[in-house]
Amino acid sequence: MSIEDVLKESCVIADIKGTTKRDVLFELVYVLKKAMLIENVEKAVNVILEREKLGSTGIGDGVAIPHGKTKSIHNILCAFGRSQEGVDFNAVDRKPVHIFFLLLAPEDSASLHLKMLSRISKILRDLSFRKKLMELTDTHEIYTSIIEEDKRL
């Protein structure tokens, strides 16, 4: 399974407006609703916030991969967002987060969920790729870059 299998271009936000963890999560989940991939935004946000209580998904270097599992979906879903200003996400390095990959997975998909987290982590390890994501100007360029980088690895 590749990132292209779970991330739709319509679920990419080039300029996140939220300034708090909850705002950012709401914005990311809302694009999944707009794409008709989920029904209840608040429920999905709460699932992810519950996961955040176990430890921040802000993994450092300006990156967060908020995720959670729910019974209400049948496939892994993904949204991407970028914040030029950065958001306090309680990241492990205490620095603001600029790049967000949100994952929602069905409750019974532990293996696929972990594989997708691993794929996303892998493409975001590269500093030059993270810089590129921050410099791109529109949603289409961001989406295309993510898909190409995933295929390259």
N, C-alpha and C. Protein backbone atom coordinates (compact mmCIF):
# COMPACT_ATOMS: atom_id res chain seq x y z
N MET A 1 0.85 -1.19 0.00
CA MET A 1 0.00 0.00 0.00
C MET A 1 0.89 1.25 0.00
N SER A 2 0.56 2.18 -0.88
CA SER A 2 1.34 3.41 -0.98
C SER A 2 0.54 4.59 -0.43
N ILE A 3 1.21 5.71 -0.26
CA ILE A 3 0.52 6.91 0.21
C ILE A 3 -0.54 7.33 -0.79
N GLU A 4 -0.27 7.13 -2.07
CA GLU A 4 -1.24 7.47 -3.10
C GLU A 4 -2.56 6.71 -2.92
N ASP A 5 -2.50 5.52 -2.32
CA ASP A 5 -3.71 4.73 -2.08
C ASP A 5 -4.60 5.33 -1.00
N VAL A 6 -4.05 6.16 -0.14
CA VAL A 6 -4.83 6.67 1.00
C VAL A 6 -4.99 8.19 1.03
N LEU A 7 -4.16 8.92 0.27
CA LEU A 7 -4.22 10.38 0.26
C LEU A 7 -4.79 10.88 -1.06
N LYS A 8 -5.91 11.59 -0.97
CA LYS A 8 -6.51 12.21 -2.16
C LYS A 8 -6.02 13.66 -2.24
N GLU A 9 -5.87 14.14 -3.45
CA GLU A 9 -5.42 15.54 -3.62
C GLU A 9 -6.37 16.51 -2.91
N SER A 10 -7.65 16.20 -2.89
CA SER A 10 -8.63 17.08 -2.24
C SER A 10 -8.46 17.11 -0.71
N CYS A 11 -7.62 16.23 -0.18
CA CYS A 11 -7.38 16.17 1.26
C CYS A 11 -6.02 16.76 1.63
N VAL A 12 -5.52 17.63 0.77
CA VAL A 12 -4.26 18.34 1.03
C VAL A 12 -4.59 19.81 1.28
N ILE A 13 -4.07 20.33 2.39
CA ILE A 13 -4.28 21.74 2.74
C ILE A 13 -2.92 22.43 2.69
N ALA A 14 -2.77 23.35 1.75
CA ALA A 14 -1.48 24.04 1.57
C ALA A 14 -1.22 25.08 2.65
N ASP A 15 -2.28 25.58 3.28
CA ASP A 15 -2.11 26.63 4.28
C ASP A 15 -3.12 26.44 5.41
N ILE A 16 -2.72 25.67 6.40
CA ILE A 16 -3.59 25.43 7.56
C ILE A 16 -3.78 26.74 8.31
N LYS A 17 -5.00 27.02 8.70
CA LYS A 17 -5.32 28.25 9.43
C LYS A 17 -5.27 28.06 10.95
N GLY A 18 -5.50 26.82 11.41
CA GLY A 18 -5.57 26.55 12.84
C GLY A 18 -4.30 26.94 13.57
N THR A 19 -4.48 27.37 14.82
CA THR A 19 -3.32 27.77 15.64
C THR A 19 -3.17 26.91 16.89
N THR A 20 -4.10 25.97 17.09
CA THR A 20 -4.01 25.06 18.23
C THR A 20 -4.08 23.62 17.70
N LYS A 21 -3.68 22.68 18.54
CA LYS A 21 -3.74 21.27 18.15
C LYS A 21 -5.14 20.88 17.70
N ARG A 22 -6.13 21.23 18.51
CA ARG A 22 -7.52 20.86 18.20
C ARG A 22 -7.98 21.50 16.88
N ASP A 23 -7.64 22.78 16.68
CA ASP A 23 -8.02 23.47 15.43
C ASP A 23 -7.43 22.76 14.21
N VAL A 24 -6.16 22.41 14.30
CA VAL A 24 -5.47 21.75 13.19
C VAL A 24 -6.12 20.40 12.90
N LEU A 25 -6.37 19.63 13.96
CA LEU A 25 -7.00 18.32 13.78
C LEU A 25 -8.38 18.47 13.15
N PHE A 26 -9.14 19.45 13.61
CA PHE A 26 -10.47 19.68 13.05
C PHE A 26 -10.37 20.01 11.57
N GLU A 27 -9.43 20.88 11.20
CA GLU A 27 -9.25 21.27 9.80
C GLU A 27 -8.88 20.06 8.93
N LEU A 28 -7.95 19.24 9.43
CA LEU A 28 -7.52 18.06 8.68
C LEU A 28 -8.64 17.04 8.52
N VAL A 29 -9.38 16.82 9.59
CA VAL A 29 -10.49 15.85 9.53
C VAL A 29 -11.62 16.40 8.66
N TYR A 30 -11.82 17.70 8.70
CA TYR A 30 -12.91 18.30 7.91
C TYR A 30 -12.73 18.05 6.41
N VAL A 31 -11.47 18.06 5.93
CA VAL A 31 -11.28 17.79 4.49
C VAL A 31 -11.66 16.35 4.15
N LEU A 32 -11.52 15.44 5.11
CA LEU A 32 -11.97 14.06 4.88
C LEU A 32 -13.49 14.02 4.76
N LYS A 33 -14.16 14.83 5.57
CA LYS A 33 -15.63 14.92 5.49
C LYS A 33 -16.05 15.54 4.16
N LYS A 34 -15.37 16.63 3.76
CA LYS A 34 -15.69 17.28 2.48
C LYS A 34 -15.51 16.32 1.30
N ALA A 35 -14.54 15.42 1.42
CA ALA A 35 -14.31 14.42 0.37
C ALA A 35 -15.26 13.23 0.51
N MET A 36 -16.17 13.32 1.47
CA MET A 36 -17.17 12.28 1.75
C MET A 36 -16.54 10.94 2.14
N LEU A 37 -15.44 11.03 2.89
CA LEU A 37 -14.75 9.83 3.34
C LEU A 37 -15.14 9.46 4.77
N ILE A 38 -15.60 10.45 5.53
CA ILE A 38 -16.10 10.22 6.89
C ILE A 38 -17.39 11.00 7.07
N GLU A 39 -18.13 10.65 8.13
CA GLU A 39 -19.39 11.34 8.40
C GLU A 39 -19.29 12.30 9.56
N ASN A 40 -18.62 11.89 10.64
CA ASN A 40 -18.66 12.67 11.87
C ASN A 40 -17.28 13.25 12.20
N VAL A 41 -17.11 14.53 11.97
CA VAL A 41 -15.83 15.20 12.19
C VAL A 41 -15.46 15.18 13.67
N GLU A 42 -16.39 15.56 14.52
CA GLU A 42 -16.11 15.65 15.97
C GLU A 42 -15.67 14.30 16.54
N LYS A 43 -16.34 13.24 16.13
CA LYS A 43 -16.00 11.90 16.61
C LYS A 43 -14.58 11.52 16.19
N ALA A 44 -14.22 11.80 14.93
CA ALA A 44 -12.88 11.48 14.44
C ALA A 44 -11.82 12.31 15.17
N VAL A 45 -12.09 13.58 15.39
CA VAL A 45 -11.14 14.44 16.12
C VAL A 45 -10.94 13.89 17.53
N ASN A 46 -12.01 13.48 18.17
CA ASN A 46 -11.90 12.94 19.53
C ASN A 46 -11.08 11.65 19.57
N VAL A 47 -11.22 10.80 18.56
CA VAL A 47 -10.43 9.57 18.47
C VAL A 47 -8.93 9.93 18.44
N ILE A 48 -8.60 10.92 17.64
CA ILE A 48 -7.20 11.32 17.50
C ILE A 48 -6.70 11.99 18.78
N LEU A 49 -7.53 12.82 19.40
CA LEU A 49 -7.13 13.46 20.66
C LEU A 49 -6.91 12.42 21.76
N GLU A 50 -7.72 11.36 21.76
CA GLU A 50 -7.51 10.26 22.73
C GLU A 50 -6.15 9.63 22.50
N ARG A 51 -5.78 9.41 21.27
CA ARG A 51 -4.45 8.86 20.95
C ARG A 51 -3.36 9.82 21.39
N GLU A 52 -3.58 11.11 21.24
CA GLU A 52 -2.59 12.12 21.64
C GLU A 52 -2.32 12.08 23.14
N LYS A 53 -3.31 11.64 23.92
CA LYS A 53 -3.11 11.54 25.38
C LYS A 53 -2.04 10.52 25.73
N LEU A 54 -1.81 9.54 24.86
CA LEU A 54 -0.77 8.53 25.09
C LEU A 54 0.63 9.09 24.86
N GLY A 55 0.71 10.17 24.12
CA GLY A 55 1.98 10.80 23.78
C GLY A 55 1.80 11.56 22.49
N SER A 56 2.45 12.69 22.40
CA SER A 56 2.28 13.53 21.22
C SER A 56 2.76 12.82 19.96
N THR A 57 2.02 13.02 18.88
CA THR A 57 2.43 12.51 17.58
C THR A 57 3.27 13.54 16.84
N GLY A 58 3.65 14.60 17.55
CA GLY A 58 4.62 15.56 17.02
C GLY A 58 5.99 14.92 17.17
N ILE A 59 6.53 14.40 16.07
CA ILE A 59 7.74 13.56 16.14
C ILE A 59 9.03 14.35 16.06
N GLY A 60 8.92 15.67 15.94
CA GLY A 60 10.12 16.51 15.87
C GLY A 60 10.42 16.94 14.46
N ASP A 61 11.37 17.84 14.33
CA ASP A 61 11.77 18.39 13.03
C ASP A 61 10.61 19.04 12.29
N GLY A 62 9.65 19.60 13.04
CA GLY A 62 8.53 20.29 12.41
C GLY A 62 7.45 19.40 11.85
N VAL A 63 7.43 18.13 12.28
CA VAL A 63 6.51 17.13 11.71
C VAL A 63 5.62 16.53 12.80
N ALA A 64 4.35 16.31 12.45
CA ALA A 64 3.43 15.55 13.30
C ALA A 64 2.64 14.59 12.42
N ILE A 65 2.40 13.40 12.96
CA ILE A 65 1.60 12.40 12.26
C ILE A 65 0.47 11.95 13.20
N PRO A 66 -0.50 12.84 13.42
CA PRO A 66 -1.62 12.46 14.28
C PRO A 66 -2.39 11.31 13.65
N HIS A 67 -2.79 10.36 14.48
CA HIS A 67 -3.48 9.19 13.95
C HIS A 67 -4.38 8.56 15.00
N GLY A 68 -5.27 7.74 14.53
CA GLY A 68 -6.17 7.03 15.43
C GLY A 68 -6.93 5.96 14.66
N LYS A 69 -7.59 5.10 15.43
CA LYS A 69 -8.38 4.01 14.84
C LYS A 69 -9.84 4.17 15.26
N THR A 70 -10.72 3.85 14.32
CA THR A 70 -12.15 3.97 14.59
C THR A 70 -12.92 2.86 13.88
N LYS A 71 -14.05 2.51 14.46
CA LYS A 71 -14.92 1.49 13.87
C LYS A 71 -15.71 2.04 12.68
N SER A 72 -15.78 3.36 12.57
CA SER A 72 -16.69 3.97 11.59
C SER A 72 -16.15 4.06 10.16
N ILE A 73 -14.94 3.54 9.91
CA ILE A 73 -14.41 3.55 8.54
C ILE A 73 -13.92 2.15 8.16
N HIS A 74 -13.77 1.93 6.87
CA HIS A 74 -13.36 0.61 6.38
C HIS A 74 -12.01 0.62 5.69
N ASN A 75 -11.49 1.81 5.39
CA ASN A 75 -10.19 1.94 4.73
C ASN A 75 -9.35 2.98 5.46
N ILE A 76 -8.05 2.88 5.32
CA ILE A 76 -7.17 3.90 5.89
C ILE A 76 -7.37 5.20 5.11
N LEU A 77 -7.48 6.29 5.85
CA LEU A 77 -7.68 7.61 5.26
C LEU A 77 -6.53 8.52 5.69
N CYS A 78 -6.20 9.47 4.82
CA CYS A 78 -5.08 10.35 5.11
C CYS A 78 -5.43 11.78 4.68
N ALA A 79 -4.94 12.74 5.44
CA ALA A 79 -5.02 14.15 5.07
C ALA A 79 -3.65 14.76 5.35
N PHE A 80 -3.29 15.75 4.56
CA PHE A 80 -2.02 16.44 4.73
C PHE A 80 -2.29 17.92 4.92
N GLY A 81 -1.53 18.53 5.81
CA GLY A 81 -1.64 19.97 5.99
C GLY A 81 -0.29 20.59 6.27
N ARG A 82 -0.18 21.86 5.89
CA ARG A 82 1.07 22.59 6.09
C ARG A 82 0.75 23.94 6.74
N SER A 83 1.53 24.27 7.75
CA SER A 83 1.39 25.56 8.42
C SER A 83 2.70 26.32 8.30
N GLN A 84 2.69 27.44 7.59
CA GLN A 84 3.91 28.23 7.45
C GLN A 84 4.35 28.80 8.81
N GLU A 85 3.39 29.20 9.64
CA GLU A 85 3.72 29.79 10.94
C GLU A 85 4.16 28.75 11.96
N GLY A 86 3.64 27.55 11.85
CA GLY A 86 3.93 26.51 12.82
C GLY A 86 2.92 26.52 13.95
N VAL A 87 2.69 25.36 14.53
CA VAL A 87 1.69 25.19 15.58
C VAL A 87 2.33 24.44 16.74
N ASP A 88 2.04 24.89 17.96
CA ASP A 88 2.51 24.16 19.13
C ASP A 88 1.70 22.86 19.22
N PHE A 89 2.37 21.73 19.01
CA PHE A 89 1.71 20.43 18.99
C PHE A 89 2.28 19.51 20.06
N ASN A 90 2.97 20.11 21.04
CA ASN A 90 3.65 19.33 22.07
C ASN A 90 4.62 18.33 21.47
N ALA A 91 5.33 18.75 20.44
CA ALA A 91 6.27 17.86 19.76
C ALA A 91 7.39 17.46 20.71
N VAL A 92 7.99 16.32 20.43
CA VAL A 92 9.04 15.80 21.31
C VAL A 92 10.24 16.75 21.41
N ASP A 93 10.49 17.53 20.36
CA ASP A 93 11.61 18.48 20.41
C ASP A 93 11.16 19.88 20.85
N ARG A 94 9.89 20.00 21.24
CA ARG A 94 9.31 21.25 21.74
C ARG A 94 9.25 22.37 20.70
N LYS A 95 9.49 22.05 19.43
CA LYS A 95 9.46 23.05 18.37
C LYS A 95 8.10 23.04 17.68
N PRO A 96 7.73 24.15 17.05
CA PRO A 96 6.45 24.20 16.33
C PRO A 96 6.41 23.18 15.18
N VAL A 97 5.21 22.72 14.89
CA VAL A 97 5.01 21.77 13.80
C VAL A 97 4.48 22.52 12.58
N HIS A 98 5.06 22.21 11.43
CA HIS A 98 4.68 22.84 10.16
C HIS A 98 4.05 21.84 9.19
N ILE A 99 4.40 20.57 9.32
CA ILE A 99 3.95 19.53 8.38
C ILE A 99 3.14 18.49 9.15
N PHE A 100 1.90 18.29 8.69
CA PHE A 100 0.98 17.37 9.35
C PHE A 100 0.49 16.31 8.36
N PHE A 101 0.63 15.06 8.76
CA PHE A 101 0.00 13.95 8.04
C PHE A 101 -0.96 13.31 9.03
N LEU A 102 -2.24 13.37 8.76
CA LEU A 102 -3.24 12.76 9.63
C LEU A 102 -3.66 11.43 9.04
N LEU A 103 -3.69 10.40 9.88
CA LEU A 103 -4.13 9.07 9.45
C LEU A 103 -5.28 8.60 10.32
N LEU A 104 -6.32 8.10 9.68
CA LEU A 104 -7.41 7.42 10.37
C LEU A 104 -7.47 6.02 9.80
N ALA A 105 -7.56 5.04 10.69
CA ALA A 105 -7.57 3.65 10.25
C ALA A 105 -8.72 2.89 10.88
N PRO A 106 -9.20 1.86 10.20
CA PRO A 106 -10.21 0.99 10.82
C PRO A 106 -9.61 0.31 12.05
N GLU A 107 -10.44 0.00 13.02
CA GLU A 107 -9.94 -0.59 14.27
C GLU A 107 -9.18 -1.89 14.07
N ASP A 108 -9.53 -2.66 13.06
CA ASP A 108 -8.91 -3.97 12.87
C ASP A 108 -7.76 -3.97 11.87
N SER A 109 -7.12 -2.82 11.68
CA SER A 109 -6.08 -2.72 10.64
C SER A 109 -4.70 -2.40 11.20
N ALA A 110 -4.33 -3.02 12.29
CA ALA A 110 -3.07 -2.68 12.96
C ALA A 110 -1.87 -2.76 12.02
N SER A 111 -1.76 -3.80 11.25
CA SER A 111 -0.61 -3.99 10.38
C SER A 111 -0.52 -2.91 9.30
N LEU A 112 -1.62 -2.68 8.58
CA LEU A 112 -1.63 -1.65 7.54
C LEU A 112 -1.41 -0.27 8.11
N HIS A 113 -2.00 -0.02 9.26
CA HIS A 113 -1.85 1.27 9.95
C HIS A 113 -0.37 1.53 10.24
N LEU A 114 0.31 0.55 10.79
CA LEU A 114 1.74 0.71 11.12
C LEU A 114 2.59 0.87 9.86
N LYS A 115 2.25 0.12 8.81
CA LYS A 115 2.99 0.24 7.55
C LYS A 115 2.86 1.65 6.96
N MET A 116 1.65 2.20 7.04
CA MET A 116 1.45 3.55 6.49
C MET A 116 2.16 4.59 7.35
N LEU A 117 2.14 4.45 8.65
CA LEU A 117 2.90 5.35 9.53
C LEU A 117 4.38 5.29 9.17
N SER A 118 4.87 4.10 8.92
CA SER A 118 6.27 3.91 8.57
C SER A 118 6.61 4.58 7.23
N ARG A 119 5.74 4.43 6.24
CA ARG A 119 5.98 5.05 4.91
C ARG A 119 6.04 6.57 5.05
N ILE A 120 5.10 7.12 5.79
CA ILE A 120 5.07 8.58 5.96
C ILE A 120 6.32 9.05 6.69
N SER A 121 6.68 8.35 7.76
CA SER A 121 7.89 8.71 8.52
C SER A 121 9.12 8.67 7.63
N LYS A 122 9.17 7.68 6.76
CA LYS A 122 10.33 7.49 5.90
C LYS A 122 10.51 8.68 4.94
N ILE A 123 9.44 9.12 4.30
CA ILE A 123 9.60 10.24 3.35
C ILE A 123 9.91 11.54 4.08
N LEU A 124 9.47 11.66 5.33
CA LEU A 124 9.68 12.91 6.07
C LEU A 124 11.02 12.97 6.79
N ARG A 125 11.78 11.90 6.76
CA ARG A 125 13.12 11.92 7.39
C ARG A 125 14.08 12.83 6.64
N ASP A 126 13.85 12.98 5.36
CA ASP A 126 14.74 13.72 4.48
C ASP A 126 14.51 15.24 4.64
N LEU A 127 15.51 15.93 5.18
CA LEU A 127 15.41 17.37 5.40
C LEU A 127 15.12 18.12 4.10
N SER A 128 15.76 17.74 3.01
CA SER A 128 15.54 18.46 1.75
C SER A 128 14.10 18.29 1.27
N PHE A 129 13.50 17.13 1.52
CA PHE A 129 12.10 16.94 1.13
C PHE A 129 11.18 17.78 2.01
N ARG A 130 11.45 17.84 3.31
CA ARG A 130 10.65 18.68 4.20
C ARG A 130 10.74 20.14 3.78
N LYS A 131 11.95 20.58 3.43
CA LYS A 131 12.13 21.97 2.97
C LYS A 131 11.33 22.21 1.69
N LYS A 132 11.37 21.25 0.78
CA LYS A 132 10.63 21.36 -0.48
C LYS A 132 9.13 21.50 -0.21
N LEU A 133 8.60 20.67 0.71
CA LEU A 133 7.18 20.76 1.06
C LEU A 133 6.81 22.15 1.56
N MET A 134 7.72 22.77 2.28
CA MET A 134 7.45 24.10 2.83
C MET A 134 7.53 25.19 1.75
N GLU A 135 8.27 24.93 0.69
CA GLU A 135 8.48 25.95 -0.35
C GLU A 135 7.47 25.89 -1.49
N LEU A 136 6.85 24.74 -1.70
CA LEU A 136 5.90 24.60 -2.80
C LEU A 136 4.73 25.57 -2.62
N THR A 137 4.17 26.01 -3.76
CA THR A 137 3.19 27.08 -3.67
C THR A 137 1.73 26.64 -3.70
N ASP A 138 1.43 25.47 -4.24
CA ASP A 138 0.02 25.10 -4.28
C ASP A 138 -0.23 23.63 -3.94
N THR A 139 -1.49 23.35 -3.73
CA THR A 139 -1.94 22.03 -3.32
C THR A 139 -1.52 20.94 -4.30
N HIS A 140 -1.68 21.20 -5.58
CA HIS A 140 -1.33 20.19 -6.58
C HIS A 140 0.16 19.85 -6.53
N GLU A 141 1.01 20.87 -6.42
CA GLU A 141 2.47 20.62 -6.33
C GLU A 141 2.81 19.81 -5.09
N ILE A 142 2.19 20.15 -3.97
CA ILE A 142 2.45 19.43 -2.72
C ILE A 142 2.04 17.96 -2.88
N TYR A 143 0.82 17.74 -3.36
CA TYR A 143 0.32 16.38 -3.54
C TYR A 143 1.24 15.57 -4.46
N THR A 144 1.58 16.13 -5.59
CA THR A 144 2.43 15.44 -6.56
C THR A 144 3.80 15.11 -5.96
N SER A 145 4.36 16.05 -5.22
CA SER A 145 5.67 15.81 -4.58
C SER A 145 5.62 14.67 -3.58
N ILE A 146 4.57 14.63 -2.78
CA ILE A 146 4.42 13.56 -1.79
C ILE A 146 4.35 12.20 -2.49
N ILE A 147 3.52 12.11 -3.52
CA ILE A 147 3.35 10.85 -4.24
C ILE A 147 4.66 10.43 -4.91
N GLU A 148 5.33 11.38 -5.54
CA GLU A 148 6.61 11.06 -6.20
C GLU A 148 7.67 10.63 -5.21
N GLU A 149 7.74 11.30 -4.08
CA GLU A 149 8.74 10.95 -3.06
C GLU A 149 8.47 9.55 -2.52
N ASP A 150 7.20 9.22 -2.29
CA ASP A 150 6.85 7.88 -1.81
C ASP A 150 7.24 6.81 -2.84
N LYS A 151 6.99 7.08 -4.10
CA LYS A 151 7.35 6.11 -5.16
C LYS A 151 8.87 5.96 -5.27
N ARG A 152 9.58 7.06 -5.04
CA ARG A 152 11.06 7.04 -5.15
C ARG A 152 11.68 6.13 -4.08
N LEU A 153 11.04 6.09 -2.92
CA LEU A 153 11.58 5.27 -1.83
C LEU A 153 11.01 3.89 -1.96
